[in-house]
Amino acid sequence: MKRPLTTSFSAPPNPEPPAAPERPSVPSWREVAPIVAALVTILEAIESGPKAGPAMRAHRSSLRRQGEAAAALGGADALETALQQVADADPARAALRLDLVRDAWTGLPGQPG
């Protein structure tokens, strides 16, 4: 008995590529949470340490990198979501913390106003 041919040597027709899933314009809090956790940790280090010198420059650089990560995640919406979560983390210190973050984020693409 002869086996049936199971291999086709012709190329299958090209199916349409799957549509890219639409990403919500505002990132969820879960997507921004690691960035916010890092920001709060950096801000707590700033509050407990020296306010000038190499340590402060390092903290500003770290704040900037977190802002760049948020901007890459979702642009201005992610930056604004991160700022809101930082403010919600400690309302008593929110004004000073937001000033520090906004100062470090000056010039980032998509920076909220």
C-alpha atoms as a PDB file:
ATOM      1  CA  MET A   1       0.000   0.000   0.000  1.00  0.00           C
ATOM      2  CA  LYS A   2       1.265   3.435  -0.911  1.00  0.00           C
ATOM      3  CA  ARG A   3       1.463   6.170   1.750  1.00  0.00           C
ATOM      4  CA  PRO A   4      -0.358   9.398   1.002  1.00  0.00           C
ATOM      5  CA  LEU A   5       1.731  12.477   0.371  1.00  0.00           C
ATOM      6  CA  THR A   6       1.871  14.465   3.610  1.00  0.00           C
ATOM      7  CA  THR A   7       4.328  17.154   2.638  1.00  0.00           C
ATOM      8  CA  SER A   8       3.398  19.927   0.303  1.00  0.00           C
ATOM      9  CA  PHE A   9       6.296  21.532  -1.515  1.00  0.00           C
ATOM     10  CA  SER A  10       4.375  24.615  -2.513  1.00  0.00           C
ATOM     11  CA  ALA A  11       4.466  27.673  -0.287  1.00  0.00           C
ATOM     12  CA  PRO A  12       1.281  28.296   1.648  1.00  0.00           C
ATOM     13  CA  PRO A  13      -0.588  31.467   0.797  1.00  0.00           C
ATOM     14  CA  ASN A  14       0.550  34.460   2.845  1.00  0.00           C
ATOM     15  CA  PRO A  15      -2.026  35.116   5.519  1.00  0.00           C
ATOM     16  CA  GLU A  16      -2.663  38.673   6.506  1.00  0.00           C
ATOM     17  CA  PRO A  17      -0.385  39.698   9.339  1.00  0.00           C
ATOM     18  CA  PRO A  18      -2.207  39.874  12.638  1.00  0.00           C
ATOM     19  CA  ALA A  19      -3.260  43.348  13.592  1.00  0.00           C
ATOM     20  CA  ALA A  20      -1.150  44.899  16.293  1.00  0.00           C
ATOM     21  CA  PRO A  21      -3.090  45.066  19.544  1.00  0.00           C
ATOM     22  CA  GLU A  22      -4.114  48.572  20.350  1.00  0.00           C
ATOM     23  CA  ARG A  23      -2.321  49.900  23.359  1.00  0.00           C
ATOM     24  CA  PRO A  24      -4.299  52.114  25.683  1.00  0.00           C
ATOM     25  CA  SER A  25      -3.134  55.697  25.562  1.00  0.00           C
ATOM     26  CA  VAL A  26      -2.859  55.898  29.344  1.00  0.00           C
ATOM     27  CA  PRO A  27      -0.639  53.224  30.868  1.00  0.00           C
ATOM     28  CA  SER A  28      -2.131  51.282  33.729  1.00  0.00           C
ATOM     29  CA  TRP A  29      -0.902  51.783  37.253  1.00  0.00           C
ATOM     30  CA  ARG A  30       0.698  48.341  37.076  1.00  0.00           C
ATOM     31  CA  GLU A  31       2.881  49.393  34.155  1.00  0.00           C
ATOM     32  CA  VAL A  32       4.002  52.553  35.921  1.00  0.00           C
ATOM     33  CA  ALA A  33       4.334  51.025  39.417  1.00  0.00           C
ATOM     34  CA  PRO A  34       8.002  49.937  39.110  1.00  0.00           C
ATOM     35  CA  ILE A  35       8.972  53.425  37.949  1.00  0.00           C
ATOM     36  CA  VAL A  36       7.021  55.021  40.801  1.00  0.00           C
ATOM     37  CA  ALA A  37       8.616  52.683  43.346  1.00  0.00           C
ATOM     38  CA  ALA A  38      12.067  53.700  42.103  1.00  0.00           C
ATOM     39  CA  LEU A  39      11.126  57.387  42.160  1.00  0.00           C
ATOM     40  CA  VAL A  40       9.842  57.195  45.739  1.00  0.00           C
ATOM     41  CA  THR A  41      13.000  55.379  46.850  1.00  0.00           C
ATOM     42  CA  ILE A  42      15.198  58.038  45.225  1.00  0.00           C
ATOM     43  CA  LEU A  43      13.125  60.847  46.737  1.00  0.00           C
ATOM     44  CA  GLU A  44      13.382  59.298  50.203  1.00  0.00           C
ATOM     45  CA  ALA A  45      17.175  59.135  49.779  1.00  0.00           C
ATOM     46  CA  ILE A  46      17.207  62.807  48.778  1.00  0.00           C
ATOM     47  CA  GLU A  47      15.125  63.746  51.826  1.00  0.00           C
ATOM     48  CA  SER A  48      17.443  61.925  54.214  1.00  0.00           C
ATOM     49  CA  GLY A  49      20.769  62.880  52.654  1.00  0.00           C
ATOM     50  CA  PRO A  50      22.777  65.893  51.543  1.00  0.00           C
ATOM     51  CA  LYS A  51      21.012  68.366  49.284  1.00  0.00           C
ATOM     52  CA  ALA A  52      24.100  69.314  47.246  1.00  0.00           C
ATOM     53  CA  GLY A  53      27.213  67.762  45.810  1.00  0.00           C
ATOM     54  CA  PRO A  54      27.865  64.506  43.994  1.00  0.00           C
ATOM     55  CA  ALA A  55      25.107  62.611  45.797  1.00  0.00           C
ATOM     56  CA  MET A  56      22.454  65.074  44.663  1.00  0.00           C
ATOM     57  CA  ARG A  57      23.753  64.957  41.081  1.00  0.00           C
ATOM     58  CA  ALA A  58      23.512  61.163  41.183  1.00  0.00           C
ATOM     59  CA  HIS A  59      19.958  61.348  42.527  1.00  0.00           C
ATOM     60  CA  ARG A  60      18.944  63.824  39.811  1.00  0.00           C
ATOM     61  CA  SER A  61      20.441  61.533  37.197  1.00  0.00           C
ATOM     62  CA  SER A  62      18.475  58.601  38.611  1.00  0.00           C
ATOM     63  CA  LEU A  63      15.262  60.638  38.593  1.00  0.00           C
ATOM     64  CA  ARG A  64      15.951  61.577  34.971  1.00  0.00           C
ATOM     65  CA  ARG A  65      16.493  57.942  33.954  1.00  0.00           C
ATOM     66  CA  GLN A  66      13.175  56.967  35.535  1.00  0.00           C
ATOM     67  CA  GLY A  67      11.515  59.792  33.617  1.00  0.00           C
ATOM     68  CA  GLU A  68      13.054  58.544  30.384  1.00  0.00           C
ATOM     69  CA  ALA A  69      11.724  55.060  31.145  1.00  0.00           C
ATOM     70  CA  ALA A  70       8.248  56.455  31.773  1.00  0.00           C
ATOM     71  CA  ALA A  71       8.375  58.528  28.583  1.00  0.00           C
ATOM     72  CA  ALA A  72       9.373  55.429  26.617  1.00  0.00           C
ATOM     73  CA  LEU A  73       6.504  53.513  28.213  1.00  0.00           C
ATOM     74  CA  GLY A  74       3.741  55.912  27.282  1.00  0.00           C
ATOM     75  CA  GLY A  75       4.925  59.481  26.686  1.00  0.00           C
ATOM     76  CA  ALA A  76       3.230  62.318  28.502  1.00  0.00           C
ATOM     77  CA  ASP A  77       0.459  60.063  29.815  1.00  0.00           C
ATOM     78  CA  ALA A  78       2.939  57.772  31.579  1.00  0.00           C
ATOM     79  CA  LEU A  79       4.850  60.749  32.978  1.00  0.00           C
ATOM     80  CA  GLU A  80       1.658  62.280  34.332  1.00  0.00           C
ATOM     81  CA  THR A  81       0.518  58.944  35.786  1.00  0.00           C
ATOM     82  CA  ALA A  82       3.880  58.536  37.524  1.00  0.00           C
ATOM     83  CA  LEU A  83       3.705  62.063  38.951  1.00  0.00           C
ATOM     84  CA  GLN A  84       0.191  61.436  40.240  1.00  0.00           C
ATOM     85  CA  GLN A  85       1.247  58.210  41.948  1.00  0.00           C
ATOM     86  CA  VAL A  86       4.277  59.906  43.523  1.00  0.00           C
ATOM     87  CA  ALA A  87       1.982  62.611  44.885  1.00  0.00           C
ATOM     88  CA  ASP A  88      -0.479  60.011  46.186  1.00  0.00           C
ATOM     89  CA  ALA A  89       2.293  58.051  47.942  1.00  0.00           C
ATOM     90  CA  ASP A  90       2.840  60.801  50.526  1.00  0.00           C
ATOM     91  CA  PRO A  91       0.502  63.801  50.226  1.00  0.00           C
ATOM     92  CA  ALA A  92       2.329  65.696  53.007  1.00  0.00           C
ATOM     93  CA  ARG A  93       5.567  65.728  50.987  1.00  0.00           C
ATOM     94  CA  ALA A  94       3.995  65.791  47.530  1.00  0.00           C
ATOM     95  CA  ALA A  95       4.765  69.424  46.641  1.00  0.00           C
ATOM     96  CA  LEU A  96       8.501  69.168  47.335  1.00  0.00           C
ATOM     97  CA  ARG A  97       8.762  65.749  45.708  1.00  0.00           C
ATOM     98  CA  LEU A  98       6.953  66.850  42.562  1.00  0.00           C
ATOM     99  CA  ASP A  99       9.196  69.919  42.313  1.00  0.00           C
ATOM    100  CA  LEU A 100      12.296  67.708  42.472  1.00  0.00           C
ATOM    101  CA  VAL A 101      10.953  65.288  39.876  1.00  0.00           C
ATOM    102  CA  ARG A 102       9.743  67.996  37.485  1.00  0.00           C
ATOM    103  CA  ASP A 103      13.105  69.763  37.782  1.00  0.00           C
ATOM    104  CA  ALA A 104      14.936  66.531  36.885  1.00  0.00           C
ATOM    105  CA  TRP A 105      12.534  65.830  34.026  1.00  0.00           C
ATOM    106  CA  THR A 106      12.996  69.222  32.363  1.00  0.00           C
ATOM    107  CA  GLY A 107      13.365  68.737  28.619  1.00  0.00           C
ATOM    108  CA  LEU A 108      12.097  65.166  28.423  1.00  0.00           C
ATOM    109  CA  PRO A 109      10.012  64.428  25.347  1.00  0.00           C
ATOM    110  CA  GLY A 110       6.334  64.420  26.260  1.00  0.00           C
ATOM    111  CA  GLN A 111       6.911  66.161  29.572  1.00  0.00           C
ATOM    112  CA  PRO A 112       3.620  67.202  31.161  1.00  0.00           C
ATOM    113  CA  GLY A 113       3.103  70.886  31.690  1.00  0.00           C
END
